Protein backbone atom coordinates (compact mmCIF):
# COMPACT_ATOMS: atom_id res chain seq x y z
CA MET A 1 -36.02 -25.83 -23.58
CA GLU A 2 -32.26 -25.99 -24.17
CA TYR A 3 -32.41 -22.55 -25.80
CA GLN A 4 -34.03 -21.05 -22.67
CA LYS A 5 -31.26 -22.39 -20.45
CA TYR A 6 -28.72 -20.80 -22.78
CA VAL A 7 -30.51 -17.44 -22.66
CA VAL A 8 -30.80 -17.55 -18.84
CA ALA A 9 -27.12 -18.45 -18.51
CA LEU A 10 -26.17 -15.61 -20.85
CA ILE A 11 -28.25 -13.11 -18.88
CA ILE A 12 -26.66 -14.23 -15.61
CA VAL A 13 -23.17 -13.86 -17.08
CA MET A 14 -24.01 -10.36 -18.33
CA ILE A 15 -25.40 -9.27 -14.93
CA VAL A 16 -22.38 -10.62 -13.07
CA THR A 17 -20.01 -8.91 -15.54
CA LEU A 18 -21.80 -5.57 -15.24
CA PHE A 19 -21.92 -5.83 -11.45
CA SER A 20 -18.20 -6.67 -11.16
CA CYS A 21 -17.27 -3.78 -13.48
CA ASP A 22 -19.28 -1.41 -11.30
CA LEU A 23 -17.60 -2.73 -8.14
CA ASN A 24 -14.15 -2.29 -9.72
CA GLY A 25 -15.04 1.30 -10.61
CA GLN A 26 -16.30 2.00 -7.09
CA LYS A 27 -13.20 0.49 -5.51
CA SER A 28 -10.94 2.51 -7.77
CA ASN A 29 -12.80 5.71 -6.80
CA VAL A 30 -12.51 4.96 -3.07
CA ILE A 31 -8.79 4.26 -3.41
CA GLN A 32 -8.29 7.53 -5.31
CA GLU A 33 -10.28 9.58 -2.77
CA LYS A 34 -8.29 8.21 0.19
CA ASN A 35 -5.05 8.96 -1.65
CA LYS A 36 -6.18 12.47 -2.58
CA CYS A 37 -6.85 13.24 1.08
CA PHE A 38 -3.52 11.73 2.17
CA ASN A 39 -1.58 13.57 -0.55
CA LYS A 40 -2.83 16.91 0.81
CA LYS A 41 -1.44 16.00 4.23
CA MET A 42 1.83 14.79 2.68
CA GLY A 43 2.31 18.18 1.01
CA ILE A 44 2.44 19.77 4.47
CA ARG A 45 4.31 16.90 6.13
CA ARG A 46 7.23 16.95 3.66
CA SER A 47 8.43 20.26 5.08
CA GLU A 48 8.41 19.03 8.70
CA LYS A 49 11.68 18.23 10.44
CA ALA A 50 10.47 14.80 11.63
CA TYR A 51 9.60 13.78 8.04
CA LYS A 52 12.97 14.94 6.71
CA ASP A 53 14.85 13.17 9.52
CA VAL A 54 13.01 9.87 9.00
CA MET A 55 13.40 9.88 5.23
CA SER A 56 17.08 10.84 5.37
CA ARG A 57 17.87 8.12 7.89
CA PHE A 58 15.75 5.52 6.08
CA LEU A 59 17.40 6.20 2.73
CA ASP A 60 20.73 5.33 4.33
CA THR A 61 19.39 2.30 6.21
CA PHE A 62 17.53 0.94 3.20
CA GLU A 63 20.77 0.39 1.29
CA VAL A 64 21.58 -2.29 3.87
CA LEU A 65 18.02 -3.56 4.44
CA LYS A 66 17.29 -4.23 0.77
CA THR A 67 20.03 -6.85 0.61
CA ASN A 68 17.92 -9.07 2.89
CA LYS A 69 16.22 -11.38 0.38
CA LYS A 70 13.75 -12.61 3.00
CA TYR A 71 12.07 -9.19 3.13
CA PHE A 72 12.92 -7.56 -0.18
CA GLY A 73 13.43 -10.44 -2.62
CA LEU A 74 16.20 -11.03 -5.12
CA GLN A 75 17.25 -7.73 -6.63
CA SER A 76 17.39 -9.37 -10.05
CA ILE A 77 13.68 -10.29 -9.82
CA VAL A 78 12.05 -7.71 -7.52
CA SER A 79 12.35 -3.96 -7.97
CA ASN A 80 12.05 -2.07 -4.68
CA ARG A 81 11.30 1.63 -4.33
CA ILE A 82 10.82 3.69 -1.19
CA ASP A 83 7.48 5.46 -1.18
CA GLU A 84 7.46 9.09 -0.05
CA SER A 85 4.72 8.48 2.51
CA VAL A 86 5.42 8.32 6.22
CA PHE A 87 2.69 7.51 8.75
CA PHE A 88 3.59 8.87 12.20
CA ASN A 89 2.05 8.30 15.59
CA LYS A 90 0.89 11.50 17.34
CA GLU A 91 4.13 11.87 19.31
CA LYS A 92 6.22 11.28 16.18
CA THR A 93 8.25 8.65 18.02
CA GLU A 94 7.10 5.79 15.76
CA CYS A 95 6.29 5.61 12.09
CA LEU A 96 5.42 3.35 9.19
CA LEU A 97 7.16 3.54 5.82
CA LEU A 98 6.26 1.76 2.61
CA VAL A 99 8.62 -0.05 0.28
CA LEU A 100 6.93 -0.64 -3.06
CA GLN A 101 7.76 -3.94 -4.73
CA ARG A 102 7.21 -4.86 -8.35
CA MET A 103 8.29 -8.13 -9.89
CA ASP A 104 9.89 -8.07 -13.29
CA SER A 105 7.40 -10.76 -14.35
CA SER A 106 4.13 -8.94 -13.66
CA SER A 107 1.96 -11.90 -14.61
CA ILE A 108 2.34 -13.48 -11.15
CA VAL A 109 1.14 -10.56 -8.98
CA PHE A 110 0.29 -6.91 -9.51
CA GLY A 111 2.75 -5.81 -6.84
CA SER A 112 3.33 -5.69 -3.11
CA VAL A 113 4.14 -3.26 -0.34
CA ARG A 114 6.50 -4.05 2.51
CA ILE A 115 5.72 -2.08 5.67
CA VAL A 116 8.81 -0.93 7.55
CA ARG A 117 8.37 0.21 11.14
CA GLY A 118 10.47 3.03 12.47
CA LYS A 119 11.06 3.84 16.11
CA LEU A 120 12.93 6.71 17.69
CA VAL A 121 15.41 5.16 20.14
CA ALA A 122 17.80 7.39 22.09
CA GLY A 123 17.40 10.16 19.50
CA ALA A 124 18.03 7.96 16.44
CA TRP A 125 15.59 6.26 14.11
CA VAL A 126 15.75 2.45 14.01
CA PHE A 127 13.92 0.56 11.24
CA LYS A 128 12.60 -2.98 11.10
CA PRO A 129 10.77 -4.74 8.24
CA SER A 130 7.22 -5.70 9.13
CA MET A 131 4.25 -7.15 7.24
CA THR A 132 3.64 -7.21 3.50
CA TYR A 133 0.53 -6.45 1.47
CA THR A 134 0.40 -8.42 -1.77
CA TYR A 135 -1.95 -7.36 -4.56
CA ASP A 136 -2.86 -10.22 -6.86
CA ARG A 137 -3.08 -9.99 -10.62
CA ASP A 138 -6.80 -9.16 -10.43
CA TYR A 139 -5.71 -5.55 -9.79
CA PHE A 140 -4.80 -5.36 -13.48
CA LYS A 141 -8.57 -5.08 -13.98
CA LEU A 142 -8.50 -1.78 -12.05
CA TYR A 143 -5.23 -0.49 -13.43
CA PRO A 144 -3.77 -1.43 -16.84
CA ASN A 145 -0.17 -1.37 -15.60
CA ASN A 146 1.53 -2.05 -12.31
CA SER A 147 3.45 1.20 -12.05
CA PHE A 148 5.01 2.15 -8.73
CA GLU A 149 2.46 4.99 -8.59
CA LYS A 150 -0.44 2.51 -8.64
CA ILE A 151 1.25 0.19 -6.13
CA SER A 152 1.78 3.23 -3.89
CA MET A 153 -1.92 4.12 -4.08
CA LEU A 154 -2.87 0.58 -3.07
CA GLY A 155 -0.36 0.49 -0.22
CA ARG A 156 -1.44 3.84 1.21
CA TYR A 157 -5.08 2.81 0.95
CA SER A 158 -4.33 -0.44 2.80
CA VAL A 159 -2.53 1.33 5.65
CA LEU A 160 -5.21 4.01 5.90
CA THR A 161 -8.07 1.51 6.05
CA ASP A 162 -6.66 -1.28 8.23
CA GLY A 163 -7.71 -1.40 11.84
CA ASN A 164 -10.68 0.70 12.87
CA ALA A 165 -10.05 3.59 10.52
CA VAL A 166 -12.67 6.19 9.70
CA ASN A 167 -13.98 5.83 6.17
CA GLY A 168 -14.12 9.56 5.41
CA GLY A 169 -10.70 10.66 6.67
CA CYS A 170 -7.10 9.97 5.94
CA GLU A 171 -5.65 9.17 9.34
CA ILE A 172 -4.36 5.77 10.38
CA ASP A 173 -5.65 3.82 13.34
CA GLU A 174 -2.84 4.46 15.82
CA GLU A 175 -4.09 1.88 18.29
CA TYR A 176 -4.01 -0.80 15.61
CA TRP A 177 -0.66 0.07 14.03
CA PHE A 178 1.43 1.12 17.03
CA ARG A 179 -0.07 -0.80 19.93
CA LEU A 180 -1.84 -3.93 18.71
CA MET A 181 0.41 -4.90 15.79
CA PRO A 182 3.42 -6.88 16.95
CA THR A 183 6.76 -5.22 16.36
């Protein structure tokens, strides 16, 4: 009787393990597909004046912003990198930027992404730190290392799928990000 319980328990563990591996593989594929779609759009967007203006201004502003430990952590512990993605509203008067964050001690979390909101005010871009996505260490099961490239993929996927986004496309939910989310 004891042997049967052991066999049943072993079978359950094997099924759960196989199922979770399949889910991890599916999630990784969905993340990659969303990023592939977005990367095509980014190829075009990089040559646009609005993109160049935002990135140029943000690069300057970020030198000051990153000293704020509340939003960007201690520079000796957290490495911050500006992602090349910019998510605009249709009028290109507001945008979202991603700051990728990786801790030097990767055993605590996989990484995080700080959203920075940009708004065109009197012809100049003004930036304000917003929410953070934190990816726990379980993401090491999907990706063996927490490179900025992988953190970027997760951050873009999160922005593209939050709100009432369409599963098949790579557009953000403007209503959610620029109207419903507090600034």
